[in-house]
Amino acid sequence: MDLYATELMGSKAYDVAGHYVGRVREFFIEPAESPNRVSHYLLSRGHFQPLVAKHNQVASVASGKMELSVSERALDLYQPNESWLAVQKDLLDQQIIDTRGRKVVRVNDVDLTPIRTNGNVELRVSQVDVGLPGAVRRLLQGVVPPKVVRKLQSKLPQGAIRWEFVNLVEPDPMRRVKLRITHEKLEDLHPADLAEIMEHLSAAERQGIIASLDEERLTTQIVEKLDPEKAADILEEMAPDAAADLLADLSKETSEELLHEMPGQEADEVRELLEFDRATAGGMMNTEFVFVGEASTREEVLEWMRGQEINFDQLDTIVLLDGSAQFSGTVPVARLLLAAPDQRMNELKMEPLLSLPASADDKEVFELFDKYNLRMLTVVDKGNRPIGAITVDDVVSKLL
């Protein structure tokens, strides 16, 4: 018989000798290993550090009770892992996309199918409940016995989505990678359907989907069909160079309408980039980059960075300015972190000193990246002042 997530939460767990171990407080899917298998169970035990039972350590599981096939000593202490999808935290009461029904729905419960494997019991996510039965189970969880709840729910209209038609919504790009979340299923939808779906998502969620779509043409069509205000929200969250590339594919009228909806500073940055030919360094660069004075010490730079809104996951290199605000070099973040607190930035800069004017064609950019194995290249104006940076990701996306 299938089990529901709400019935499993709070269940008592016992080891192979029948000793009480703890209660199931969370359980996880590890998408990299299996897309729908419950791989780990978090067992809380009061003031002690929680334990983790693996999928191959479970002898039986039922509503309210889990029996393990190992002793308590064989269990590991719980360590957070960003590559695990937490069913309660990441699924229950969260919005998902039903790719078959082409709509955004909220998860009320998760259906789990037990499968006996090598003497143990594995739970597989079979579908998510988005209807009234799941909501009733959540409401009555811990208040009414599961048997009574099951009897009540049998009289209610069902609403479930098979797991293979579920598309998770995760705004954090790094976590999308760790959880192996792709939006390939969404790329099969008509742009008009996808645009309608995105109308029901937050700005961060919309941006998360747009950023992970592989098909550039599809992305452009979605933005065209979205309400201008919501489309502008997406553009505002994008890197200026990516936003400029997208707008360049739209009609001038639509492009101007979206720029008008964006905040002034962000819109101005994108407009500046639109003036450059896409096959030049100016057309490839991103105007968002970190720059500091070359006379600053390592500790001063770190202290300043702590107070800035910087995407540290994507920060690789820092640009240096001399006393005249002209480009004087770059410092890799790794070299910065290993330096002494009082060491000055100009002592850490890389050699040779490399930069390109915005008018340089993309072939020159490719040649420098290839010759010097660069991670980032600074773009300067006629006065040798840095105006942007080209990353290795920009180069790769241009070549693909």
Protein backbone atom coordinates (compact mmCIF):
# COMPACT_ATOMS: atom_id res chain seq x y z
CA MET A 1 0.00 0.00 0.00
CA ASP A 2 1.27 3.47 -0.88
CA LEU A 3 2.29 5.85 1.88
CA TYR A 4 1.90 9.61 2.04
CA ALA A 5 4.61 12.03 3.11
CA THR A 6 2.32 13.42 5.81
CA GLU A 7 1.95 9.89 7.25
CA LEU A 8 5.71 9.33 7.28
CA MET A 9 6.61 12.63 8.96
CA GLY A 10 6.95 12.15 12.70
CA SER A 11 7.04 8.35 12.47
CA LYS A 12 9.02 6.56 15.19
CA ALA A 13 12.14 4.74 13.98
CA TYR A 14 13.54 1.60 15.62
CA ASP A 15 16.86 -0.15 14.94
CA VAL A 16 17.29 -3.87 14.15
CA ALA A 17 17.27 -4.75 17.87
CA GLY A 18 13.98 -2.89 18.40
CA HIS A 19 15.56 0.05 20.21
CA TYR A 20 13.99 3.48 19.66
CA VAL A 21 16.27 5.67 17.52
CA GLY A 22 14.28 8.84 16.81
CA ARG A 23 11.50 10.35 14.72
CA VAL A 24 11.45 10.95 10.97
CA ARG A 25 11.60 14.75 10.60
CA GLU A 26 12.62 15.00 6.95
CA PHE A 27 13.53 12.74 4.06
CA PHE A 28 15.48 13.42 0.91
CA ILE A 29 15.76 12.55 -2.77
CA GLU A 30 19.22 12.54 -4.32
CA PRO A 31 18.49 13.34 -8.00
CA ALA A 32 22.05 12.60 -9.11
CA GLU A 33 21.62 8.99 -7.96
CA SER A 34 17.93 8.34 -8.65
CA PRO A 35 15.29 10.89 -9.70
CA ASN A 36 12.47 9.59 -7.48
CA ARG A 37 13.99 7.35 -4.78
CA VAL A 38 13.97 8.51 -1.17
CA SER A 39 17.67 8.18 -0.43
CA HIS A 40 18.03 9.43 3.17
CA TYR A 41 15.86 9.86 6.27
CA LEU A 42 16.59 12.48 8.92
CA LEU A 43 15.94 11.08 12.39
CA SER A 44 15.66 13.62 15.20
CA ARG A 45 16.37 12.60 18.78
CA GLY A 46 15.76 15.49 21.12
CA HIS A 47 18.83 17.49 22.09
CA PHE A 48 21.23 15.08 20.37
CA GLN A 49 22.56 15.62 16.85
CA PRO A 50 20.17 14.06 14.29
CA LEU A 51 21.03 10.80 12.57
CA VAL A 52 20.59 9.75 8.94
CA ALA A 53 19.29 6.39 7.75
CA LYS A 54 20.05 5.45 4.13
CA HIS A 55 17.59 3.85 1.74
CA ASN A 56 19.35 0.48 2.07
CA GLN A 57 19.04 0.49 5.88
CA VAL A 58 15.23 0.40 6.05
CA ALA A 59 13.60 -3.00 6.71
CA SER A 60 9.98 -1.81 6.74
CA VAL A 61 8.01 1.40 6.83
CA ALA A 62 4.37 2.15 7.57
CA SER A 63 2.34 5.08 8.80
CA GLY A 64 3.78 6.06 12.16
CA LYS A 65 6.56 3.45 12.27
CA MET A 66 9.88 2.69 10.55
CA GLU A 67 12.02 -0.35 11.27
CA LEU A 68 15.70 -0.33 10.35
CA SER A 69 17.80 -3.28 9.23
CA VAL A 70 20.89 -2.03 11.09
CA SER A 71 21.85 -0.97 14.60
CA GLU A 72 21.89 2.64 15.69
CA ARG A 73 25.71 2.61 15.57
CA ALA A 74 25.61 2.00 11.80
CA LEU A 75 23.81 5.31 11.21
CA ASP A 76 25.67 8.48 10.25
CA LEU A 77 25.32 11.85 11.93
CA TYR A 78 23.32 14.28 9.78
CA GLN A 79 25.30 16.72 7.64
CA PRO A 80 23.41 19.19 5.39
CA ASN A 81 23.82 18.45 1.68
CA GLU A 82 22.68 20.93 -0.99
CA SER A 83 22.46 18.15 -3.58
CA TRP A 84 19.61 16.51 -1.65
CA LEU A 85 16.01 17.53 -2.35
CA ALA A 86 14.19 17.82 1.00
CA VAL A 87 10.61 16.57 0.52
CA GLN A 88 9.07 18.62 3.33
CA LYS A 89 11.14 21.79 2.82
CA ASP A 90 11.43 21.82 -0.99
CA LEU A 91 8.18 20.16 -2.07
CA LEU A 92 5.35 20.38 0.47
CA ASP A 93 3.40 23.63 0.17
CA GLN A 94 5.69 24.75 -2.68
CA GLN A 95 4.71 25.77 -6.22
CA ILE A 96 5.61 23.42 -9.05
CA ILE A 97 4.86 23.36 -12.76
CA ASP A 98 2.56 20.67 -14.10
CA THR A 99 4.09 20.22 -17.57
CA ARG A 100 1.23 18.02 -18.73
CA GLY A 101 -1.56 20.30 -17.54
CA ARG A 102 0.47 23.42 -18.43
CA LYS A 103 -0.18 25.20 -15.14
CA VAL A 104 1.36 26.22 -11.82
CA VAL A 105 0.06 24.27 -8.81
CA ARG A 106 0.86 23.96 -5.12
CA VAL A 107 1.92 20.64 -3.58
CA ASN A 108 -0.25 19.48 -0.67
CA ASP A 109 1.26 16.02 -0.20
CA VAL A 110 3.54 13.47 -1.84
CA ASP A 111 2.63 9.86 -2.68
CA LEU A 112 5.31 7.27 -1.87
CA THR A 113 5.37 3.73 -3.28
CA PRO A 114 7.28 1.07 -1.27
CA ILE A 115 9.51 -1.30 -3.28
CA ARG A 116 11.29 -4.29 -1.68
CA THR A 117 14.93 -4.47 -2.78
CA ASN A 118 17.59 -6.85 -1.41
CA GLY A 119 15.67 -7.40 1.80
CA ASN A 120 15.10 -3.69 2.41
CA VAL A 121 12.26 -1.33 1.54
CA GLU A 122 12.82 1.67 -0.69
CA LEU A 123 10.27 4.45 -1.10
CA ARG A 124 9.76 5.97 -4.54
CA VAL A 125 7.94 9.23 -5.21
CA SER A 126 5.13 8.28 -7.60
CA GLN A 127 3.10 11.48 -7.72
CA VAL A 128 2.37 14.72 -5.94
CA ASP A 129 -1.05 15.52 -4.55
CA VAL A 130 -2.33 18.96 -5.53
CA GLY A 131 -5.99 18.35 -4.67
CA LEU A 132 -8.27 18.47 -1.68
CA PRO A 133 -7.28 15.05 -0.22
CA GLY A 134 -3.69 16.19 0.28
CA ALA A 135 -4.85 19.43 1.90
CA VAL A 136 -7.11 17.50 4.29
CA ARG A 137 -4.25 15.16 5.26
CA ARG A 138 -2.01 18.16 6.01
CA LEU A 139 -4.77 19.78 8.08
CA LEU A 140 -5.55 16.66 10.12
CA GLN A 141 -1.95 15.42 10.44
CA GLY A 142 -1.31 14.35 14.05
CA VAL A 143 -4.90 15.19 15.05
CA VAL A 144 -6.89 12.32 13.52
CA PRO A 145 -5.65 8.71 13.06
CA PRO A 146 -4.37 8.01 9.51
CA LYS A 147 -7.03 5.32 8.94
CA VAL A 148 -9.80 7.83 9.59
CA VAL A 149 -8.15 10.41 7.33
CA ARG A 150 -7.84 7.86 4.51
CA LYS A 151 -11.55 7.05 4.84
CA LEU A 152 -12.45 10.74 4.68
CA GLN A 153 -10.25 11.45 1.67
CA SER A 154 -11.75 8.61 -0.38
CA LYS A 155 -14.91 10.69 -0.73
CA LEU A 156 -13.08 13.78 -1.99
CA PRO A 157 -12.25 14.69 -5.61
CA GLN A 158 -8.72 13.57 -6.44
CA GLY A 159 -5.99 15.81 -7.84
CA ALA A 160 -2.54 14.34 -8.44
CA ILE A 161 0.33 14.77 -10.91
CA ARG A 162 2.65 11.93 -11.81
CA TRP A 163 6.24 12.65 -10.78
CA GLU A 164 7.55 12.56 -14.36
CA PHE A 165 5.33 15.53 -15.24
CA VAL A 166 6.54 17.64 -12.30
CA ASN A 167 8.96 20.49 -12.98
CA LEU A 168 10.49 21.99 -9.84
CA VAL A 169 10.96 25.73 -9.52
CA GLU A 170 14.33 26.65 -7.95
CA PRO A 171 15.52 30.30 -8.29
CA ASP A 172 19.06 29.63 -7.00
CA PRO A 173 21.24 28.74 -10.02
CA MET A 174 23.87 26.93 -7.96
CA ARG A 175 21.25 24.76 -6.26
CA ARG A 176 19.61 23.99 -9.62
CA VAL A 177 22.92 22.49 -10.71
CA LYS A 178 23.40 20.52 -7.49
CA LEU A 179 19.86 19.14 -7.65
CA ARG A 180 20.19 18.37 -11.37
CA ILE A 181 17.10 20.47 -12.09
CA THR A 182 16.64 21.15 -15.79
CA HIS A 183 13.78 22.69 -17.70
CA GLU A 184 13.93 20.43 -20.73
CA LYS A 185 10.25 19.52 -20.25
CA LEU A 186 9.33 23.20 -20.38
CA GLU A 187 11.13 23.65 -23.69
CA ASP A 188 8.60 21.29 -25.26
CA LEU A 189 5.74 23.62 -24.31
CA HIS A 190 4.45 26.30 -26.65
CA PRO A 191 5.93 29.71 -25.75
CA ALA A 192 2.42 31.08 -25.15
CA ASP A 193 1.69 28.30 -22.61
CA LEU A 194 5.03 28.82 -20.88
CA ALA A 195 4.51 32.58 -20.73
CA GLU A 196 1.11 32.02 -19.12
CA ILE A 197 2.68 29.68 -16.55
CA MET A 198 5.36 32.22 -15.71
CA GLU A 199 2.73 34.89 -15.05
CA HIS A 200 1.93 32.96 -11.83
CA LEU A 201 5.53 32.80 -10.58
CA SER A 202 7.60 35.29 -8.61
CA ALA A 203 10.26 37.41 -10.35
CA ALA A 204 13.06 35.23 -8.95
CA GLU A 205 11.30 32.04 -10.08
CA ARG A 206 10.70 33.45 -13.58
CA GLN A 207 14.35 34.42 -13.84
CA GLY A 208 15.38 30.97 -12.65
CA ILE A 209 13.49 29.37 -15.52
CA ILE A 210 14.65 31.85 -18.16
CA ALA A 211 18.29 31.47 -17.09
CA SER A 212 18.19 27.69 -17.48
CA LEU A 213 16.39 27.45 -20.83
CA ASP A 214 18.78 26.29 -23.53
CA GLU A 215 16.79 27.54 -26.45
CA GLU A 216 17.52 31.25 -27.03
CA ARG A 217 14.65 31.61 -29.50
CA LEU A 218 12.20 30.18 -26.95
CA THR A 219 13.40 32.62 -24.28
CA THR A 220 12.86 35.57 -26.62
CA GLN A 221 9.35 34.41 -27.51
CA ILE A 222 8.42 33.98 -23.84
CA VAL A 223 9.54 37.52 -22.96
CA GLU A 224 7.59 38.86 -25.95
CA LYS A 225 4.39 37.22 -24.73
CA LEU A 226 4.72 38.12 -21.05
CA ASP A 227 3.11 41.18 -19.53
CA PRO A 228 5.68 44.00 -20.07
CA GLU A 229 6.03 44.70 -16.34
CA LYS A 230 6.78 41.03 -15.56
CA ALA A 231 9.07 40.69 -18.56
CA ALA A 232 10.98 43.73 -17.29
CA ASP A 233 11.32 42.03 -13.88
CA ILE A 234 13.10 39.15 -15.63
CA LEU A 235 15.40 41.48 -17.54
CA GLU A 236 16.22 43.40 -14.36
CA GLU A 237 17.45 40.20 -12.69
CA MET A 238 19.58 39.20 -15.69
CA ALA A 239 23.18 40.25 -16.21
CA PRO A 240 23.20 43.42 -18.36
CA ASP A 241 24.96 41.68 -21.26
CA ALA A 242 22.42 38.82 -21.28
CA ALA A 243 19.52 41.30 -21.12
CA ALA A 244 21.01 43.29 -24.01
CA ASP A 245 21.41 40.12 -26.11
CA LEU A 246 17.78 39.21 -25.49
CA LEU A 247 16.46 42.70 -26.28
CA ALA A 248 18.53 42.81 -29.48
CA ASP A 249 16.40 39.93 -30.79
CA LEU A 250 13.14 41.79 -30.16
CA SER A 251 11.52 44.49 -32.26
CA LYS A 252 12.70 48.02 -31.47
CA GLU A 253 9.21 48.93 -30.24
CA THR A 254 9.02 45.97 -27.83
CA SER A 255 12.60 46.53 -26.68
CA GLU A 256 11.93 50.18 -25.82
CA GLU A 257 8.70 49.27 -24.03
CA LEU A 258 10.54 46.81 -21.79
CA LEU A 259 13.42 49.23 -21.14
CA HIS A 260 10.85 51.82 -20.09
CA GLU A 261 9.52 49.38 -17.46
CA MET A 262 13.00 48.74 -16.03
CA PRO A 263 14.56 50.89 -13.27
CA GLY A 264 16.58 53.82 -14.67
CA GLN A 265 20.11 52.65 -13.82
CA GLU A 266 19.59 49.09 -15.07
CA ALA A 267 17.92 50.37 -18.24
CA ASP A 268 20.78 52.78 -18.93
CA GLU A 269 23.37 50.00 -18.58
CA VAL A 270 21.50 47.81 -21.04
CA ARG A 271 21.01 50.71 -23.50
CA GLU A 272 24.78 51.33 -23.48
CA LEU A 273 25.44 47.70 -24.32
CA LEU A 274 22.86 47.72 -27.12
CA GLU A 275 24.93 50.38 -28.87
CA PHE A 276 27.79 47.91 -29.37
CA ASP A 277 27.97 45.38 -32.16
CA ARG A 278 27.34 41.91 -30.67
CA ALA A 279 30.47 40.64 -32.46
CA THR A 280 32.74 43.01 -30.52
CA ALA A 281 34.23 43.07 -27.03
CA GLY A 282 31.69 45.75 -26.09
CA GLY A 283 28.84 43.53 -27.22
CA MET A 284 30.17 40.58 -25.20
CA MET A 285 31.08 42.37 -21.97
CA ASN A 286 29.14 42.61 -18.73
CA THR A 287 29.08 46.02 -17.04
CA GLU A 288 28.75 44.42 -13.59
CA PHE A 289 32.27 43.74 -12.28
CA VAL A 290 34.21 44.36 -9.07
CA PHE A 291 36.93 47.03 -9.12
CA VAL A 292 39.09 48.50 -6.33
CA GLY A 293 42.05 50.83 -5.95
CA GLU A 294 45.44 49.19 -6.44
CA ALA A 295 46.79 50.77 -3.24
CA SER A 296 44.15 49.03 -1.09
CA THR A 297 45.22 46.24 1.22
CA ARG A 298 43.82 42.76 1.08
CA GLU A 299 41.97 43.28 4.40
CA GLU A 300 40.45 46.60 3.23
CA VAL A 301 39.15 44.99 0.06
CA LEU A 302 37.57 42.06 1.91
CA GLU A 303 35.95 44.39 4.44
CA TRP A 304 34.52 46.53 1.62
CA MET A 305 33.25 43.47 -0.28
CA ARG A 306 31.36 42.21 2.78
CA GLY A 307 29.16 45.29 2.61
CA GLN A 308 28.40 45.04 -1.12
CA GLU A 309 25.73 43.09 -3.00
CA ILE A 310 28.12 40.84 -4.89
CA ASN A 311 27.37 37.46 -6.41
CA PHE A 312 30.31 35.66 -4.78
CA ASP A 313 29.45 32.36 -6.50
CA GLN A 314 30.40 33.93 -9.83
CA LEU A 315 33.19 36.25 -8.67
CA ASP A 316 36.52 35.09 -10.08
CA THR A 317 38.66 38.19 -10.65
CA ILE A 318 38.92 41.75 -9.29
CA VAL A 319 39.85 44.70 -11.51
CA LEU A 320 42.40 47.27 -10.24
CA LEU A 321 42.41 51.04 -10.77
CA ASP A 322 45.38 53.38 -10.37
CA GLY A 323 45.25 56.89 -8.88
CA SER A 324 43.81 58.26 -12.15
CA ALA A 325 41.03 55.67 -12.22
CA GLN A 326 42.69 53.92 -15.15
CA PHE A 327 42.99 50.18 -15.57
CA SER A 328 46.13 48.85 -13.86
CA GLY A 329 45.61 45.08 -13.62
CA THR A 330 43.58 42.21 -12.23
CA VAL A 331 43.77 39.99 -9.14
CA PRO A 332 42.26 36.48 -9.01
CA VAL A 333 40.09 35.96 -5.93
CA ALA A 334 42.09 32.85 -5.00
CA ARG A 335 45.30 34.92 -4.86
CA LEU A 336 43.50 37.57 -2.80
CA LEU A 337 42.35 35.09 -0.19
CA LEU A 338 45.83 33.63 0.24
CA ALA A 339 47.53 37.03 0.66
CA ALA A 340 48.60 38.58 3.94
CA PRO A 341 46.07 41.04 5.47
CA ASP A 342 48.32 44.07 4.93
CA GLN A 343 49.48 43.11 1.42
CA ARG A 344 48.51 45.68 -1.23
CA MET A 345 46.54 44.78 -4.32
CA ASN A 346 49.19 46.02 -6.78
CA GLU A 347 51.54 43.38 -5.35
CA LEU A 348 49.06 40.63 -6.22
CA LYS A 349 48.13 41.51 -9.80
CA MET A 350 48.59 39.11 -12.66
CA GLU A 351 51.06 39.47 -15.50
CA PRO A 352 50.93 40.33 -18.35
CA LEU A 353 48.57 43.28 -18.18
CA LEU A 354 45.75 42.44 -20.62
CA SER A 355 42.75 44.43 -21.81
CA LEU A 356 40.87 45.23 -25.01
CA PRO A 357 38.94 48.25 -26.29
CA ALA A 358 35.18 47.87 -26.69
CA SER A 359 35.59 48.04 -30.47
CA ALA A 360 37.84 44.92 -30.65
CA ASP A 361 36.20 42.14 -32.65
CA ASP A 362 35.28 38.81 -31.09
CA LYS A 363 38.20 37.03 -32.80
CA GLU A 364 40.64 39.13 -30.77
CA VAL A 365 38.75 38.20 -27.62
CA PHE A 366 38.87 34.48 -28.45
CA GLU A 367 42.59 34.65 -29.23
CA LEU A 368 43.49 36.26 -25.88
CA PHE A 369 41.38 33.80 -23.89
CA ASP A 370 42.97 30.90 -25.74
CA LYS A 371 46.56 32.16 -25.61
CA TYR A 372 46.61 33.09 -21.92
CA ASN A 373 43.96 30.63 -20.63
CA LEU A 374 42.00 33.55 -19.16
CA ARG A 375 39.06 33.42 -16.80
CA MET A 376 38.22 37.09 -17.32
CA LEU A 377 39.27 39.93 -19.63
CA THR A 378 38.81 43.65 -18.91
CA VAL A 379 37.30 45.97 -21.53
CA VAL A 380 38.48 49.60 -21.45
CA ASP A 381 37.39 52.88 -23.06
CA LYS A 382 39.60 55.30 -25.00
CA GLY A 383 40.92 56.74 -21.73
CA ASN A 384 41.97 53.26 -20.52
CA ARG A 385 39.21 53.24 -17.92
CA PRO A 386 37.53 49.85 -17.34
CA ILE A 387 33.93 49.77 -18.57
CA GLY A 388 33.20 46.05 -18.52
CA ALA A 389 34.48 42.52 -18.23
CA ILE A 390 34.20 39.42 -20.41
CA THR A 391 34.17 36.09 -18.59
CA VAL A 392 35.01 32.65 -19.91
CA ASP A 393 31.29 31.84 -19.73
CA ASP A 394 30.58 34.72 -22.13
CA VAL A 395 33.15 33.30 -24.54
CA VAL A 396 31.78 29.77 -24.33
CA SER A 397 28.17 30.90 -24.90
CA LYS A 398 29.34 32.91 -27.92
CA LEU A 399 31.09 29.89 -29.42
CA LEU A 400 28.17 27.50 -28.92
